[in-house]
Amino acid sequence: MPSATTAATGPGHERARGRPYTFATVTGRALLLHPERPAGEIDLHADVAEALARICRSAGHVPGGVYSVAQHAVLMCDAAMQETGDAYLSAACLLHGRRAAVLGDATPEARRFFGISAST
């Protein structure tokens, strides 16, 4: 059971009262979630891609079955490359949903409700 100074939010996720969250990735890396400090090392292949492949877009409210954040990013990347031929734009499309690997994929409605901008 968590002590009075520690609140557990799930396996590998702890926050000491008054301190930033520490988040454990799929590979066991510890990420410090703090707005003023770098998060630390994260493996784009093992941590980000794996997590995004497991997270449904739009909180799962997509007709026709499961549509993951990773699928969305890859389709955007392919479309950008086909339409513009710009490899940098295609790479940006692959990475645009990376925050969802740690924070989940918030729907536009949830972002508006909580006052979160799309660029955050």
C-alpha atoms as a PDB file:
ATOM      1  CA  MET A   1       0.000   0.000   0.000  1.00  0.00           C
ATOM      2  CA  PRO A   2       1.370   3.476  -0.883  1.00  0.00           C
ATOM      3  CA  SER A   3       2.577   5.603   2.001  1.00  0.00           C
ATOM      4  CA  ALA A   4       1.096   9.005   2.767  1.00  0.00           C
ATOM      5  CA  THR A   5       3.870  10.636   0.724  1.00  0.00           C
ATOM      6  CA  THR A   6       3.596   8.403  -2.350  1.00  0.00           C
ATOM      7  CA  ALA A   7       0.600   7.953  -4.619  1.00  0.00           C
ATOM      8  CA  ALA A   8       0.738   4.958  -6.962  1.00  0.00           C
ATOM      9  CA  THR A   9      -1.081   5.311 -10.265  1.00  0.00           C
ATOM     10  CA  GLY A  10      -0.314   1.864 -11.628  1.00  0.00           C
ATOM     11  CA  PRO A  11       2.630  -0.476 -12.057  1.00  0.00           C
ATOM     12  CA  GLY A  12       5.820   1.511 -12.499  1.00  0.00           C
ATOM     13  CA  HIS A  13       4.114   4.878 -12.051  1.00  0.00           C
ATOM     14  CA  GLU A  14       4.764   6.742  -8.835  1.00  0.00           C
ATOM     15  CA  ARG A  15       4.622  10.305  -7.629  1.00  0.00           C
ATOM     16  CA  ALA A  16       5.979  11.549  -4.360  1.00  0.00           C
ATOM     17  CA  ARG A  17       3.879  14.369  -2.961  1.00  0.00           C
ATOM     18  CA  GLY A  18       5.134  17.676  -4.389  1.00  0.00           C
ATOM     19  CA  ARG A  19       7.485  15.964  -6.864  1.00  0.00           C
ATOM     20  CA  PRO A  20       7.176  15.199 -10.575  1.00  0.00           C
ATOM     21  CA  TYR A  21       5.904  11.874 -11.853  1.00  0.00           C
ATOM     22  CA  THR A  22       8.280   9.104 -12.833  1.00  0.00           C
ATOM     23  CA  PHE A  23       6.996   6.934 -15.645  1.00  0.00           C
ATOM     24  CA  ALA A  24       8.337   3.464 -16.525  1.00  0.00           C
ATOM     25  CA  THR A  25       8.421   2.640 -20.251  1.00  0.00           C
ATOM     26  CA  VAL A  26       7.949  -0.783 -21.872  1.00  0.00           C
ATOM     27  CA  THR A  27      11.730  -1.318 -21.790  1.00  0.00           C
ATOM     28  CA  GLY A  28      11.941  -0.295 -18.130  1.00  0.00           C
ATOM     29  CA  ARG A  29      13.426   3.151 -18.691  1.00  0.00           C
ATOM     30  CA  ALA A  30      12.368   5.707 -16.103  1.00  0.00           C
ATOM     31  CA  LEU A  31      11.085   8.979 -17.544  1.00  0.00           C
ATOM     32  CA  LEU A  32      10.772  12.037 -15.352  1.00  0.00           C
ATOM     33  CA  LEU A  33       7.575  13.907 -16.240  1.00  0.00           C
ATOM     34  CA  HIS A  34       8.269  17.507 -15.330  1.00  0.00           C
ATOM     35  CA  PRO A  35       7.481  20.610 -17.429  1.00  0.00           C
ATOM     36  CA  GLU A  36      10.837  22.273 -16.707  1.00  0.00           C
ATOM     37  CA  ARG A  37      13.202  19.311 -17.012  1.00  0.00           C
ATOM     38  CA  PRO A  38      14.098  16.991 -19.880  1.00  0.00           C
ATOM     39  CA  ALA A  39      12.307  13.657 -19.741  1.00  0.00           C
ATOM     40  CA  GLY A  40      15.485  11.647 -20.227  1.00  0.00           C
ATOM     41  CA  GLU A  41      16.455   8.951 -22.677  1.00  0.00           C
ATOM     42  CA  ILE A  42      13.694   7.186 -24.567  1.00  0.00           C
ATOM     43  CA  ASP A  43      14.056   4.597 -27.304  1.00  0.00           C
ATOM     44  CA  LEU A  44      11.907   5.623 -30.282  1.00  0.00           C
ATOM     45  CA  HIS A  45      11.709   2.044 -31.576  1.00  0.00           C
ATOM     46  CA  ALA A  46      11.298   0.033 -28.391  1.00  0.00           C
ATOM     47  CA  ASP A  47       9.442   2.527 -26.202  1.00  0.00           C
ATOM     48  CA  VAL A  48       7.528   4.952 -28.419  1.00  0.00           C
ATOM     49  CA  ALA A  49       6.626   2.728 -31.396  1.00  0.00           C
ATOM     50  CA  GLU A  50       5.598  -0.165 -29.151  1.00  0.00           C
ATOM     51  CA  ALA A  51       3.357   2.024 -27.017  1.00  0.00           C
ATOM     52  CA  LEU A  52       1.771   3.826 -29.981  1.00  0.00           C
ATOM     53  CA  ALA A  53       0.934   0.501 -31.620  1.00  0.00           C
ATOM     54  CA  ARG A  54      -1.074  -0.407 -28.505  1.00  0.00           C
ATOM     55  CA  ILE A  55      -2.964   2.888 -28.117  1.00  0.00           C
ATOM     56  CA  CYS A  56      -6.244   3.393 -29.985  1.00  0.00           C
ATOM     57  CA  ARG A  57      -6.931   6.687 -31.704  1.00  0.00           C
ATOM     58  CA  SER A  58      -9.892   8.766 -30.512  1.00  0.00           C
ATOM     59  CA  ALA A  59     -10.276   6.756 -27.311  1.00  0.00           C
ATOM     60  CA  GLY A  60     -11.290   3.729 -29.407  1.00  0.00           C
ATOM     61  CA  HIS A  61     -14.299   5.477 -30.973  1.00  0.00           C
ATOM     62  CA  VAL A  62     -13.285   4.707 -34.563  1.00  0.00           C
ATOM     63  CA  PRO A  63     -15.692   2.902 -36.894  1.00  0.00           C
ATOM     64  CA  GLY A  64     -14.434  -0.287 -38.488  1.00  0.00           C
ATOM     65  CA  GLY A  65     -12.262  -1.692 -35.725  1.00  0.00           C
ATOM     66  CA  VAL A  66      -9.026  -0.807 -33.975  1.00  0.00           C
ATOM     67  CA  TYR A  67      -7.030   2.097 -35.429  1.00  0.00           C
ATOM     68  CA  SER A  68      -3.847   2.752 -33.471  1.00  0.00           C
ATOM     69  CA  VAL A  69      -1.882   5.964 -33.060  1.00  0.00           C
ATOM     70  CA  ALA A  70       1.020   4.183 -34.804  1.00  0.00           C
ATOM     71  CA  GLN A  71      -1.158   3.301 -37.828  1.00  0.00           C
ATOM     72  CA  HIS A  72      -2.293   6.913 -38.046  1.00  0.00           C
ATOM     73  CA  ALA A  73       1.309   8.186 -37.954  1.00  0.00           C
ATOM     74  CA  VAL A  74       2.489   5.740 -40.626  1.00  0.00           C
ATOM     75  CA  LEU A  75      -0.432   6.582 -42.943  1.00  0.00           C
ATOM     76  CA  MET A  76       0.309  10.294 -42.495  1.00  0.00           C
ATOM     77  CA  CYS A  77       3.991   9.699 -43.194  1.00  0.00           C
ATOM     78  CA  ASP A  78       3.222   7.778 -46.396  1.00  0.00           C
ATOM     79  CA  ALA A  79       0.726  10.410 -47.595  1.00  0.00           C
ATOM     80  CA  ALA A  80       3.162  13.256 -46.908  1.00  0.00           C
ATOM     81  CA  MET A  81       5.946  11.497 -48.823  1.00  0.00           C
ATOM     82  CA  GLN A  82       3.689  10.707 -51.780  1.00  0.00           C
ATOM     83  CA  GLU A  83       2.237  14.208 -51.990  1.00  0.00           C
ATOM     84  CA  THR A  84       5.326  16.307 -51.236  1.00  0.00           C
ATOM     85  CA  GLY A  85       8.395  14.071 -51.490  1.00  0.00           C
ATOM     86  CA  ASP A  86       9.665  15.838 -48.350  1.00  0.00           C
ATOM     87  CA  ALA A  87      11.438  13.356 -46.072  1.00  0.00           C
ATOM     88  CA  TYR A  88      11.555  15.852 -43.177  1.00  0.00           C
ATOM     89  CA  LEU A  89       7.807  16.406 -43.339  1.00  0.00           C
ATOM     90  CA  SER A  90       7.293  12.628 -43.467  1.00  0.00           C
ATOM     91  CA  ALA A  91       9.496  12.173 -40.393  1.00  0.00           C
ATOM     92  CA  ALA A  92       7.545  14.886 -38.569  1.00  0.00           C
ATOM     93  CA  CYS A  93       4.337  13.009 -39.396  1.00  0.00           C
ATOM     94  CA  LEU A  94       5.776   9.859 -37.821  1.00  0.00           C
ATOM     95  CA  LEU A  95       6.698  11.732 -34.657  1.00  0.00           C
ATOM     96  CA  HIS A  96       3.684  14.042 -34.304  1.00  0.00           C
ATOM     97  CA  GLY A  97       1.859  11.662 -31.953  1.00  0.00           C
ATOM     98  CA  ARG A  98       4.833  10.776 -29.761  1.00  0.00           C
ATOM     99  CA  ARG A  99       3.371  12.351 -26.620  1.00  0.00           C
ATOM    100  CA  ALA A 100       0.628   9.716 -26.719  1.00  0.00           C
ATOM    101  CA  ALA A 101       3.274   7.104 -25.887  1.00  0.00           C
ATOM    102  CA  VAL A 102       3.358   8.539 -22.361  1.00  0.00           C
ATOM    103  CA  LEU A 103       0.147  10.548 -22.000  1.00  0.00           C
ATOM    104  CA  GLY A 104      -2.286   8.533 -24.125  1.00  0.00           C
ATOM    105  CA  ASP A 105      -4.217   9.838 -27.121  1.00  0.00           C
ATOM    106  CA  ALA A 106      -6.545  12.540 -25.868  1.00  0.00           C
ATOM    107  CA  THR A 107      -9.547  13.216 -28.081  1.00  0.00           C
ATOM    108  CA  PRO A 108     -10.034  16.778 -29.359  1.00  0.00           C
ATOM    109  CA  GLU A 109     -13.086  17.038 -27.097  1.00  0.00           C
ATOM    110  CA  ALA A 110     -11.068  16.034 -24.023  1.00  0.00           C
ATOM    111  CA  ARG A 111      -8.301  18.494 -24.930  1.00  0.00           C
ATOM    112  CA  ARG A 112     -10.852  21.319 -25.238  1.00  0.00           C
ATOM    113  CA  PHE A 113     -12.544  20.296 -21.973  1.00  0.00           C
ATOM    114  CA  PHE A 114      -9.248  20.348 -20.056  1.00  0.00           C
ATOM    115  CA  GLY A 115      -7.891  23.412 -21.872  1.00  0.00           C
ATOM    116  CA  ILE A 116      -5.025  21.561 -23.539  1.00  0.00           C
ATOM    117  CA  SER A 117      -3.825  22.949 -26.858  1.00  0.00           C
ATOM    118  CA  ALA A 118      -3.250  20.576 -29.773  1.00  0.00           C
ATOM    119  CA  SER A 119       0.422  21.590 -29.858  1.00  0.00           C
ATOM    120  CA  THR A 120       1.059  20.652 -26.211  1.00  0.00           C
END
